[in-house]
Amino acid sequence: MNLLDHLRRMAGNNLWSNDRLYRAVLSLQPGEFEADRTSFFPSIKATLNHILAVDLLYLDFLEEGGVGASAYDDFVHFDAAQELYAAQLAADRRLIAFCDRLSATDLDRRVVTDRREDGMIPERIGDILAHVFLHDIHHRGQVHAMLSGTSVKPPQLDEFLLDYDLKLRAKEVERLGLEI
């Protein structure tokens, strides 16, 4: 497997992990989604909104959409978990489509990232993708930990589309339309 194939699998795994996490979040009792908790962000709701806002920011950079930092600054936070899940699902599918369009040489191509007062910084596409996946894993882990203090058992998130996992979770993979 080459780096491009790996990044494509990471994009698929990102969708799968987000879906598993949101299925747990959507089962929360009233008040648990927005309840104050101890973490980097003060609630499950705030953390999931942050993940989506950063995904949209970096998607704009990767797609060279021209929105820049305002993609994050102007992000309208979602109050309802179901609406947030739908928006995250759309962003995840957008990221998969972006990765599917890439060639191996695109990974070293630089796109401009808007760092506000620090300027417009060119970054390699492969590095941005690695950053996005690491960012999402980091904050999903925080949500996972916060779920431990709720009425819902945290889902398993450490699967990586291994043959065993694909067989065990075939219905999930099929429902999401992942082609692995």
Protein backbone atom coordinates (compact mmCIF):
# COMPACT_ATOMS: atom_id res chain seq x y z
CA MET A 1 0.00 0.00 0.00
CA ASN A 2 1.35 3.43 -0.89
CA LEU A 3 0.80 6.71 0.98
CA LEU A 4 -2.10 7.80 -1.25
CA ASP A 5 -3.91 4.50 -0.64
CA HIS A 6 -3.27 4.90 3.08
CA LEU A 7 -4.72 8.42 3.14
CA ARG A 8 -7.78 7.24 1.22
CA ARG A 9 -8.27 4.49 3.80
CA MET A 10 -7.85 7.08 6.56
CA ALA A 11 -10.62 9.15 4.97
CA GLY A 12 -12.89 6.09 4.91
CA ASN A 13 -11.95 5.20 8.47
CA ASN A 14 -12.67 8.79 9.51
CA LEU A 15 -16.21 8.47 8.16
CA TRP A 16 -16.65 5.10 9.86
CA SER A 17 -15.34 6.32 13.22
CA ASN A 18 -17.43 9.48 13.14
CA ASP A 19 -20.51 7.43 12.28
CA ARG A 20 -19.91 5.04 15.19
CA LEU A 21 -19.35 7.95 17.58
CA TYR A 22 -22.45 9.82 16.42
CA ARG A 23 -24.62 6.73 16.72
CA ALA A 24 -23.69 6.68 20.41
CA VAL A 25 -24.19 10.45 20.76
CA LEU A 26 -27.63 10.24 19.16
CA SER A 27 -28.64 7.81 21.92
CA LEU A 28 -27.87 10.25 24.74
CA GLN A 29 -30.56 11.24 27.19
CA PRO A 30 -31.90 14.81 26.99
CA GLY A 31 -29.36 17.26 28.38
CA GLU A 32 -26.33 14.98 28.10
CA PHE A 33 -25.18 16.29 24.70
CA GLU A 34 -24.75 19.85 25.92
CA ALA A 35 -23.93 19.12 29.59
CA ASP A 36 -20.74 20.62 31.03
CA ARG A 37 -17.91 18.11 31.15
CA THR A 38 -14.19 18.09 31.83
CA SER A 39 -12.20 18.13 28.59
CA PHE A 40 -10.46 20.54 26.21
CA PHE A 41 -13.90 21.76 25.11
CA PRO A 42 -16.61 21.94 27.80
CA SER A 43 -19.14 19.51 26.30
CA ILE A 44 -19.72 16.77 23.77
CA LYS A 45 -21.65 19.30 21.69
CA ALA A 46 -18.81 21.84 21.69
CA THR A 47 -16.19 19.21 20.85
CA LEU A 48 -18.16 17.77 17.92
CA ASN A 49 -18.86 21.27 16.58
CA HIS A 50 -15.11 21.99 16.78
CA ILE A 51 -14.25 18.83 14.82
CA LEU A 52 -16.65 19.82 12.05
CA ALA A 53 -15.52 23.46 11.98
CA VAL A 54 -11.88 22.44 11.58
CA ASP A 55 -12.77 19.84 8.95
CA LEU A 56 -14.58 22.52 6.93
CA LEU A 57 -11.64 24.91 7.31
CA TYR A 58 -9.14 22.39 6.01
CA LEU A 59 -11.47 21.19 3.26
CA ASP A 60 -11.58 24.79 2.05
CA PHE A 61 -7.78 24.92 2.06
CA LEU A 62 -7.47 21.55 0.28
CA GLU A 63 -10.09 22.37 -2.34
CA GLU A 64 -8.67 25.88 -2.72
CA GLY A 65 -12.13 27.28 -2.09
CA GLY A 66 -10.89 30.75 -1.19
CA VAL A 67 -12.96 31.14 1.98
CA GLY A 68 -9.86 31.00 4.18
CA ALA A 69 -9.93 31.41 7.96
CA SER A 70 -13.50 32.66 7.84
CA ALA A 71 -14.53 29.05 7.11
CA TYR A 72 -13.76 28.50 10.80
CA ASP A 73 -14.52 31.99 12.13
CA ASP A 74 -17.98 32.12 10.54
CA PHE A 75 -18.91 28.50 11.34
CA VAL A 76 -22.45 28.34 12.70
CA HIS A 77 -22.52 25.87 15.59
CA PHE A 78 -25.21 23.23 15.65
CA ASP A 79 -27.42 22.83 18.70
CA ALA A 80 -28.98 19.50 17.69
CA ALA A 81 -26.90 16.34 17.50
CA GLN A 82 -28.82 14.99 14.50
CA GLU A 83 -28.17 18.12 12.42
CA LEU A 84 -24.51 18.14 13.45
CA TYR A 85 -24.20 14.48 12.47
CA ALA A 86 -25.70 15.16 9.03
CA ALA A 87 -23.26 18.03 8.45
CA GLN A 88 -20.30 15.92 9.63
CA LEU A 89 -21.36 13.08 7.35
CA ALA A 90 -21.45 15.47 4.40
CA ALA A 91 -17.98 16.81 5.27
CA ASP A 92 -16.62 13.27 5.64
CA ARG A 93 -17.98 12.30 2.22
CA ARG A 94 -16.48 15.47 0.76
CA LEU A 95 -13.10 14.51 2.22
CA ILE A 96 -13.34 11.00 0.79
CA ALA A 97 -14.21 12.43 -2.64
CA PHE A 98 -11.26 14.83 -2.41
CA CYS A 99 -8.87 11.98 -1.56
CA ASP A 100 -10.30 9.85 -4.37
CA ARG A 101 -9.49 12.61 -6.88
CA LEU A 102 -5.85 12.90 -5.78
CA SER A 103 -2.88 11.49 -7.61
CA ALA A 104 0.32 10.48 -5.84
CA THR A 105 2.05 13.64 -7.09
CA ASP A 106 -0.72 15.81 -5.59
CA LEU A 107 0.40 14.84 -2.08
CA ASP A 108 3.50 17.05 -2.39
CA ARG A 109 1.60 19.90 -4.04
CA ARG A 110 1.20 22.91 -1.78
CA VAL A 111 -2.03 24.77 -1.15
CA VAL A 112 -2.32 28.01 0.75
CA THR A 113 -3.58 27.95 4.32
CA ASP A 114 -4.90 31.18 5.81
CA ARG A 115 -3.26 31.68 9.21
CA ARG A 116 -4.85 35.08 9.79
CA GLU A 117 -2.23 37.50 11.15
CA ASP A 118 0.54 34.93 10.55
CA GLY A 119 -0.15 35.09 6.82
CA MET A 120 -0.90 32.78 3.94
CA ILE A 121 1.21 29.66 4.47
CA PRO A 122 1.64 27.07 1.69
CA GLU A 123 1.41 23.49 3.03
CA ARG A 124 1.70 20.08 1.37
CA ILE A 125 -1.62 18.34 0.74
CA GLY A 126 -0.33 15.07 2.22
CA ASP A 127 0.69 16.88 5.42
CA ILE A 128 -2.66 18.66 5.69
CA LEU A 129 -4.52 15.36 5.34
CA ALA A 130 -2.35 13.75 8.03
CA HIS A 131 -3.07 16.73 10.28
CA VAL A 132 -6.83 16.53 9.70
CA PHE A 133 -6.94 12.83 10.55
CA LEU A 134 -4.81 13.31 13.66
CA HIS A 135 -6.96 16.26 14.77
CA ASP A 136 -10.17 14.28 14.35
CA ILE A 137 -8.79 11.22 16.16
CA HIS A 138 -7.61 13.41 19.04
CA HIS A 139 -10.96 15.10 19.58
CA ARG A 140 -13.02 11.95 18.95
CA GLY A 141 -11.04 10.45 21.81
CA GLN A 142 -12.14 13.30 24.04
CA VAL A 143 -15.79 12.73 23.12
CA HIS A 144 -15.29 9.02 23.73
CA ALA A 145 -14.01 9.77 27.23
CA MET A 146 -16.87 12.19 27.90
CA LEU A 147 -19.37 9.51 26.88
CA SER A 148 -18.07 7.44 29.82
CA GLY A 149 -19.89 9.88 32.11
CA THR A 150 -23.23 9.51 30.32
CA SER A 151 -25.98 6.94 29.98
CA VAL A 152 -24.40 5.64 26.74
CA LYS A 153 -21.50 3.23 26.51
CA PRO A 154 -18.65 4.65 24.39
CA PRO A 155 -18.32 2.79 21.06
CA GLN A 156 -15.20 1.01 19.91
CA LEU A 157 -13.25 3.43 17.72
CA ASP A 158 -9.85 1.79 17.40
CA GLU A 159 -10.65 -0.41 14.42
CA PHE A 160 -8.89 0.40 11.16
CA LEU A 161 -10.70 -1.41 8.41
CA LEU A 162 -8.68 -4.59 8.93
CA ASP A 163 -10.01 -7.63 7.09
CA TYR A 164 -11.28 -8.97 10.43
CA ASP A 165 -13.03 -5.68 11.25
CA LEU A 166 -14.55 -5.46 7.78
CA LYS A 167 -16.01 -8.93 8.15
CA LEU A 168 -17.23 -8.25 11.69
CA ARG A 169 -18.71 -4.85 10.75
CA ALA A 170 -19.79 -5.64 7.18
CA LYS A 171 -23.28 -4.18 7.67
CA GLU A 172 -21.87 -0.86 8.91
CA VAL A 173 -19.40 -0.64 6.03
CA GLU A 174 -22.15 -1.46 3.52
CA ARG A 175 -24.58 1.05 5.07
CA LEU A 176 -21.94 3.78 4.74
CA GLY A 177 -21.14 2.79 1.17
CA LEU A 178 -17.44 2.41 1.90
CA GLU A 179 -15.55 0.68 -0.87
CA ILE A 180 -12.51 -0.83 0.75
